């Protein structure tokens, strides 16, 4: 889906933040080539998030959960299984920014557990 539009300046911001997460995973003994569940979060208007919920599978995501915060409004958490090496995370970030652009929601980052050989 790399042909879809996304904000390249926003990508540079997110990619800088991704570097911090990748370094933190590495410091915790992560094996980045191992696939694991990676969750991502989006916030926005209910109707936009519902549309994303219905289209998430088109980007390889499954719905993890919904949350509503008094201050920040509704959130939609998605997840997919993939590796956490830099190329895989770059692709993940681009997909999330494409989602942001396509659905009119705000991408708020990703997270996962380190795969250090002690967990599966």
N, C-alpha and C. Protein backbone atom coordinates (compact mmCIF):
# COMPACT_ATOMS: atom_id res chain seq x y z
N UNK A 1 0.80 -1.19 0.00
CA UNK A 1 0.00 0.00 0.00
C UNK A 1 0.86 1.27 0.00
N UNK A 2 2.12 1.14 -0.33
CA UNK A 2 3.01 2.29 -0.26
C UNK A 2 2.65 3.38 -1.26
N UNK A 3 1.74 3.11 -2.22
CA UNK A 3 1.35 4.13 -3.17
C UNK A 3 0.38 5.15 -2.58
N UNK A 4 -0.16 4.88 -1.40
CA UNK A 4 -1.08 5.81 -0.75
C UNK A 4 -0.31 7.00 -0.18
N UNK A 5 -0.98 8.13 -0.11
CA UNK A 5 -0.36 9.37 0.36
C UNK A 5 -0.11 9.33 1.87
N UNK A 6 0.93 10.04 2.28
CA UNK A 6 1.20 10.31 3.69
C UNK A 6 2.07 11.54 3.78
N UNK A 7 2.08 12.16 4.94
CA UNK A 7 2.83 13.39 5.18
C UNK A 7 4.30 13.05 5.45
N UNK A 8 5.17 13.43 4.53
CA UNK A 8 6.60 13.06 4.66
C UNK A 8 7.28 13.76 5.83
N UNK A 9 6.87 15.00 6.14
CA UNK A 9 7.44 15.69 7.30
C UNK A 9 7.03 14.95 8.58
N UNK A 10 5.80 14.53 8.61
CA UNK A 10 5.30 13.77 9.77
C UNK A 10 6.05 12.45 9.88
N UNK A 11 6.36 11.83 8.74
CA UNK A 11 7.14 10.60 8.76
C UNK A 11 8.49 10.84 9.44
N UNK A 12 9.16 11.93 9.09
CA UNK A 12 10.48 12.21 9.68
C UNK A 12 10.37 12.35 11.20
N UNK A 13 9.30 12.99 11.69
CA UNK A 13 9.09 13.11 13.14
C UNK A 13 8.88 11.74 13.77
N UNK A 14 8.01 10.96 13.16
CA UNK A 14 7.71 9.63 13.71
C UNK A 14 8.93 8.72 13.63
N UNK A 15 9.67 8.79 12.54
CA UNK A 15 10.85 7.94 12.37
C UNK A 15 11.90 8.27 13.44
N UNK A 16 12.04 9.52 13.80
CA UNK A 16 12.96 9.90 14.87
C UNK A 16 12.51 9.27 16.19
N UNK A 17 11.21 9.31 16.46
CA UNK A 17 10.68 8.68 17.68
C UNK A 17 10.86 7.17 17.62
N UNK A 18 10.67 6.59 16.43
CA UNK A 18 10.85 5.14 16.26
C UNK A 18 12.28 4.72 16.63
N UNK A 19 13.24 5.56 16.31
CA UNK A 19 14.64 5.22 16.61
C UNK A 19 14.84 5.04 18.12
N UNK A 20 14.18 5.90 18.90
CA UNK A 20 14.28 5.77 20.36
C UNK A 20 13.69 4.44 20.84
N UNK A 21 12.55 4.07 20.29
CA UNK A 21 11.91 2.80 20.69
C UNK A 21 12.79 1.62 20.28
N UNK A 22 13.32 1.66 19.06
CA UNK A 22 14.18 0.58 18.59
C UNK A 22 15.44 0.46 19.45
N UNK A 23 16.01 1.58 19.85
CA UNK A 23 17.19 1.55 20.72
C UNK A 23 16.85 0.98 22.09
N UNK A 24 15.68 1.33 22.60
CA UNK A 24 15.24 0.81 23.89
C UNK A 24 15.03 -0.71 23.81
N UNK A 25 14.42 -1.17 22.73
CA UNK A 25 14.24 -2.61 22.55
C UNK A 25 15.60 -3.31 22.49
N UNK A 26 16.53 -2.75 21.73
CA UNK A 26 17.86 -3.35 21.61
C UNK A 26 18.56 -3.40 22.97
N UNK A 27 18.41 -2.35 23.77
CA UNK A 27 19.02 -2.32 25.10
C UNK A 27 18.43 -3.38 26.02
N UNK A 28 17.22 -3.84 25.70
CA UNK A 28 16.58 -4.88 26.49
C UNK A 28 16.76 -6.27 25.88
N UNK A 29 17.73 -6.40 24.98
CA UNK A 29 18.07 -7.71 24.43
C UNK A 29 17.16 -8.21 23.34
N UNK A 30 16.45 -7.30 22.67
CA UNK A 30 15.51 -7.71 21.64
C UNK A 30 16.20 -8.38 20.46
N UNK A 31 15.52 -9.38 19.90
CA UNK A 31 15.90 -10.00 18.63
C UNK A 31 14.90 -9.45 17.61
N UNK A 32 15.26 -8.37 16.90
CA UNK A 32 14.30 -7.65 16.08
C UNK A 32 13.71 -8.47 14.94
N UNK A 33 14.39 -9.52 14.53
CA UNK A 33 13.87 -10.33 13.42
C UNK A 33 12.71 -11.23 13.84
N UNK A 34 12.52 -11.42 15.13
CA UNK A 34 11.43 -12.27 15.63
C UNK A 34 10.10 -11.54 15.52
N UNK A 35 9.13 -12.22 14.96
CA UNK A 35 7.80 -11.63 14.86
C UNK A 35 7.14 -11.60 16.23
N UNK A 36 6.34 -10.56 16.42
CA UNK A 36 5.62 -10.37 17.66
C UNK A 36 4.42 -9.48 17.38
N UNK A 37 3.51 -9.40 18.35
CA UNK A 37 2.37 -8.50 18.23
C UNK A 37 2.86 -7.07 18.46
N UNK A 38 2.56 -6.20 17.52
CA UNK A 38 2.88 -4.78 17.65
C UNK A 38 1.55 -4.04 17.64
N UNK A 39 1.36 -3.21 18.65
CA UNK A 39 0.12 -2.45 18.72
C UNK A 39 0.39 -1.01 18.31
N UNK A 40 -0.63 -0.41 17.71
CA UNK A 40 -0.58 0.99 17.30
C UNK A 40 -1.85 1.66 17.80
N UNK A 41 -1.80 2.96 17.97
CA UNK A 41 -2.97 3.67 18.48
C UNK A 41 -3.30 4.87 17.59
N UNK A 42 -4.61 5.11 17.50
CA UNK A 42 -5.14 6.24 16.75
C UNK A 42 -6.20 6.91 17.59
N UNK A 43 -6.30 8.22 17.47
CA UNK A 43 -7.40 8.93 18.11
C UNK A 43 -8.06 9.82 17.08
N UNK A 44 -9.32 10.14 17.36
CA UNK A 44 -10.06 10.97 16.43
C UNK A 44 -11.53 10.93 16.73
N UNK A 45 -12.32 11.36 15.78
CA UNK A 45 -13.77 11.34 15.91
C UNK A 45 -14.26 9.90 15.82
N UNK A 46 -15.35 9.62 16.54
CA UNK A 46 -15.91 8.26 16.57
C UNK A 46 -16.17 7.72 15.17
N UNK A 47 -16.79 8.52 14.30
CA UNK A 47 -17.13 8.01 12.97
C UNK A 47 -15.88 7.68 12.16
N UNK A 48 -14.82 8.47 12.29
CA UNK A 48 -13.57 8.19 11.59
C UNK A 48 -12.91 6.93 12.14
N UNK A 49 -12.93 6.77 13.46
CA UNK A 49 -12.35 5.57 14.07
C UNK A 49 -13.16 4.32 13.72
N UNK A 50 -14.48 4.46 13.63
CA UNK A 50 -15.31 3.32 13.23
C UNK A 50 -15.00 2.91 11.78
N UNK A 51 -14.80 3.90 10.92
CA UNK A 51 -14.42 3.60 9.54
C UNK A 51 -13.07 2.88 9.51
N UNK A 52 -12.12 3.34 10.33
CA UNK A 52 -10.83 2.67 10.43
C UNK A 52 -10.99 1.26 10.96
N UNK A 53 -11.83 1.08 11.96
CA UNK A 53 -12.07 -0.26 12.51
C UNK A 53 -12.50 -1.21 11.38
N UNK A 54 -13.36 -0.72 10.50
CA UNK A 54 -13.85 -1.55 9.39
C UNK A 54 -12.81 -1.76 8.30
N UNK A 55 -11.84 -0.87 8.18
CA UNK A 55 -10.82 -0.98 7.14
C UNK A 55 -9.46 -1.45 7.61
N UNK A 56 -9.32 -1.70 8.91
CA UNK A 56 -8.02 -2.05 9.47
C UNK A 56 -7.38 -3.26 8.81
N UNK A 57 -8.19 -4.26 8.49
CA UNK A 57 -7.66 -5.49 7.90
C UNK A 57 -6.99 -5.23 6.55
N UNK A 58 -7.42 -4.18 5.85
CA UNK A 58 -6.80 -3.84 4.57
C UNK A 58 -5.33 -3.47 4.74
N UNK A 59 -4.95 -3.08 5.94
CA UNK A 59 -3.56 -2.72 6.24
C UNK A 59 -2.87 -3.81 7.07
N UNK A 60 -3.53 -4.95 7.23
CA UNK A 60 -2.95 -6.06 7.98
C UNK A 60 -3.13 -5.98 9.48
N UNK A 61 -4.05 -5.13 9.95
CA UNK A 61 -4.27 -4.95 11.38
C UNK A 61 -5.55 -5.63 11.83
N UNK A 62 -5.57 -6.00 13.09
CA UNK A 62 -6.77 -6.47 13.78
C UNK A 62 -7.08 -5.46 14.88
N UNK A 63 -8.34 -5.35 15.23
CA UNK A 63 -8.74 -4.43 16.30
C UNK A 63 -8.36 -5.05 17.64
N UNK A 64 -7.65 -4.29 18.44
CA UNK A 64 -7.26 -4.72 19.78
C UNK A 64 -8.26 -4.25 20.81
N UNK A 65 -8.53 -2.94 20.84
CA UNK A 65 -9.52 -2.41 21.79
C UNK A 65 -9.83 -0.95 21.49
N UNK A 66 -10.92 -0.51 22.09
CA UNK A 66 -11.35 0.89 22.08
C UNK A 66 -11.13 1.44 23.48
N UNK A 67 -10.86 2.73 23.54
CA UNK A 67 -10.79 3.41 24.83
C UNK A 67 -11.33 4.82 24.65
N UNK A 68 -11.95 5.32 25.70
CA UNK A 68 -12.43 6.70 25.67
C UNK A 68 -11.90 7.39 26.91
N UNK A 69 -11.17 8.48 26.68
CA UNK A 69 -10.62 9.28 27.77
C UNK A 69 -11.36 10.60 27.82
N UNK A 70 -11.61 11.08 29.01
CA UNK A 70 -12.34 12.34 29.16
C UNK A 70 -11.61 13.49 28.48
N UNK A 71 -10.30 13.56 28.65
CA UNK A 71 -9.52 14.66 28.08
C UNK A 71 -9.23 14.50 26.59
N UNK A 72 -8.89 13.29 26.16
CA UNK A 72 -8.42 13.07 24.79
C UNK A 72 -9.43 12.42 23.87
N UNK A 73 -10.60 12.08 24.36
CA UNK A 73 -11.62 11.49 23.51
C UNK A 73 -11.36 10.03 23.21
N UNK A 74 -11.96 9.55 22.10
CA UNK A 74 -11.86 8.12 21.78
C UNK A 74 -10.53 7.74 21.12
N UNK A 75 -10.11 6.52 21.42
CA UNK A 75 -8.90 5.92 20.86
C UNK A 75 -9.26 4.56 20.29
N UNK A 76 -8.59 4.19 19.23
CA UNK A 76 -8.70 2.85 18.68
C UNK A 76 -7.30 2.25 18.64
N UNK A 77 -7.17 1.07 19.26
CA UNK A 77 -5.89 0.36 19.28
C UNK A 77 -5.98 -0.82 18.33
N UNK A 78 -5.00 -0.92 17.45
CA UNK A 78 -4.91 -2.01 16.49
C UNK A 78 -3.63 -2.78 16.74
N UNK A 79 -3.55 -4.00 16.19
CA UNK A 79 -2.32 -4.76 16.31
C UNK A 79 -2.11 -5.60 15.06
N UNK A 80 -0.85 -5.94 14.82
CA UNK A 80 -0.51 -6.90 13.78
C UNK A 80 0.78 -7.59 14.16
N UNK A 81 0.99 -8.74 13.59
CA UNK A 81 2.18 -9.53 13.87
C UNK A 81 3.23 -9.22 12.82
N UNK A 82 4.41 -8.86 13.29
CA UNK A 82 5.52 -8.56 12.39
C UNK A 82 6.81 -8.48 13.19
N UNK A 83 7.91 -8.39 12.48
CA UNK A 83 9.21 -8.19 13.09
C UNK A 83 9.36 -6.73 13.50
N UNK A 84 10.40 -6.44 14.29
CA UNK A 84 10.64 -5.07 14.75
C UNK A 84 12.02 -4.56 14.31
N UNK A 85 12.50 -5.06 13.18
CA UNK A 85 13.74 -4.53 12.63
C UNK A 85 13.44 -3.18 11.97
N UNK A 86 14.44 -2.36 11.71
CA UNK A 86 14.19 -1.02 11.17
C UNK A 86 13.35 -1.00 9.89
N UNK A 87 13.61 -1.90 8.96
CA UNK A 87 12.82 -1.90 7.71
C UNK A 87 11.36 -2.21 7.98
N UNK A 88 11.09 -3.18 8.86
CA UNK A 88 9.70 -3.54 9.19
C UNK A 88 9.00 -2.39 9.90
N UNK A 89 9.69 -1.73 10.80
CA UNK A 89 9.09 -0.61 11.54
C UNK A 89 8.88 0.58 10.61
N UNK A 90 9.79 0.79 9.69
CA UNK A 90 9.61 1.86 8.70
C UNK A 90 8.32 1.62 7.93
N UNK A 91 8.12 0.39 7.47
CA UNK A 91 6.89 0.04 6.74
C UNK A 91 5.65 0.22 7.61
N UNK A 92 5.76 -0.16 8.88
CA UNK A 92 4.65 0.01 9.82
C UNK A 92 4.29 1.49 9.96
N UNK A 93 5.29 2.32 10.15
CA UNK A 93 5.07 3.75 10.33
C UNK A 93 4.44 4.37 9.08
N UNK A 94 4.92 3.99 7.92
CA UNK A 94 4.33 4.50 6.68
C UNK A 94 2.87 4.08 6.59
N UNK A 95 2.58 2.81 6.88
CA UNK A 95 1.19 2.34 6.84
C UNK A 95 0.32 3.14 7.80
N UNK A 96 0.81 3.40 8.98
CA UNK A 96 0.03 4.15 9.97
C UNK A 96 -0.20 5.59 9.54
N UNK A 97 0.78 6.19 8.89
CA UNK A 97 0.61 7.55 8.40
C UNK A 97 -0.33 7.58 7.19
N UNK A 98 -0.32 6.53 6.40
CA UNK A 98 -1.30 6.42 5.31
C UNK A 98 -2.71 6.32 5.89
N UNK A 99 -2.86 5.52 6.94
CA UNK A 99 -4.14 5.41 7.63
C UNK A 99 -4.57 6.78 8.16
N UNK A 100 -3.64 7.47 8.80
CA UNK A 100 -3.92 8.80 9.33
C UNK A 100 -4.48 9.71 8.23
N UNK A 101 -3.82 9.70 7.09
CA UNK A 101 -4.22 10.55 5.97
C UNK A 101 -5.56 10.10 5.38
N UNK A 102 -5.73 8.82 5.20
CA UNK A 102 -6.92 8.27 4.55
C UNK A 102 -8.18 8.40 5.41
N UNK A 103 -8.04 8.19 6.72
CA UNK A 103 -9.21 8.16 7.60
C UNK A 103 -9.42 9.44 8.41
N UNK A 104 -8.48 10.37 8.35
CA UNK A 104 -8.64 11.61 9.11
C UNK A 104 -8.55 11.41 10.61
N UNK A 105 -7.66 10.51 11.03
CA UNK A 105 -7.41 10.24 12.44
C UNK A 105 -5.97 10.63 12.76
N UNK A 106 -5.62 10.58 14.03
CA UNK A 106 -4.26 10.93 14.44
C UNK A 106 -3.54 9.69 14.95
N UNK A 107 -2.44 9.34 14.28
CA UNK A 107 -1.59 8.22 14.70
C UNK A 107 -0.79 8.66 15.91
N UNK A 108 -0.72 7.78 16.92
CA UNK A 108 -0.03 8.14 18.15
C UNK A 108 1.07 7.16 18.53
N UNK A 109 1.57 6.38 17.60
CA UNK A 109 2.73 5.55 17.88
C UNK A 109 2.43 4.07 18.01
N UNK A 110 3.51 3.32 18.26
CA UNK A 110 3.44 1.86 18.33
C UNK A 110 4.19 1.38 19.56
N UNK A 111 3.95 0.12 19.90
CA UNK A 111 4.66 -0.49 21.01
C UNK A 111 4.62 -2.00 20.89
N UNK A 112 5.55 -2.65 21.57
CA UNK A 112 5.60 -4.11 21.59
C UNK A 112 6.51 -4.56 22.73
N UNK A 113 6.47 -5.85 22.97
CA UNK A 113 7.35 -6.46 23.97
C UNK A 113 8.65 -6.86 23.28
N UNK A 114 9.76 -6.67 23.97
CA UNK A 114 11.04 -7.15 23.45
C UNK A 114 11.01 -8.68 23.37
N UNK A 115 11.58 -9.20 22.30
CA UNK A 115 11.71 -10.66 22.11
C UNK A 115 13.15 -11.02 22.41
N UNK A 116 13.40 -11.37 23.67
CA UNK A 116 14.76 -11.59 24.11
C UNK A 116 15.13 -13.06 24.24
N UNK A 117 14.29 -13.94 23.74
CA UNK A 117 14.57 -15.37 23.85
C UNK A 117 13.95 -15.96 25.09
N UNK A 118 13.52 -15.14 26.03
CA UNK A 118 12.90 -15.63 27.26
C UNK A 118 11.38 -15.65 27.15
N UNK A 119 10.86 -14.84 26.22
CA UNK A 119 9.41 -14.83 25.99
C UNK A 119 9.13 -15.28 24.57
N UNK A 120 7.91 -15.62 24.29
CA UNK A 120 7.58 -16.15 22.96
C UNK A 120 6.57 -15.30 22.30
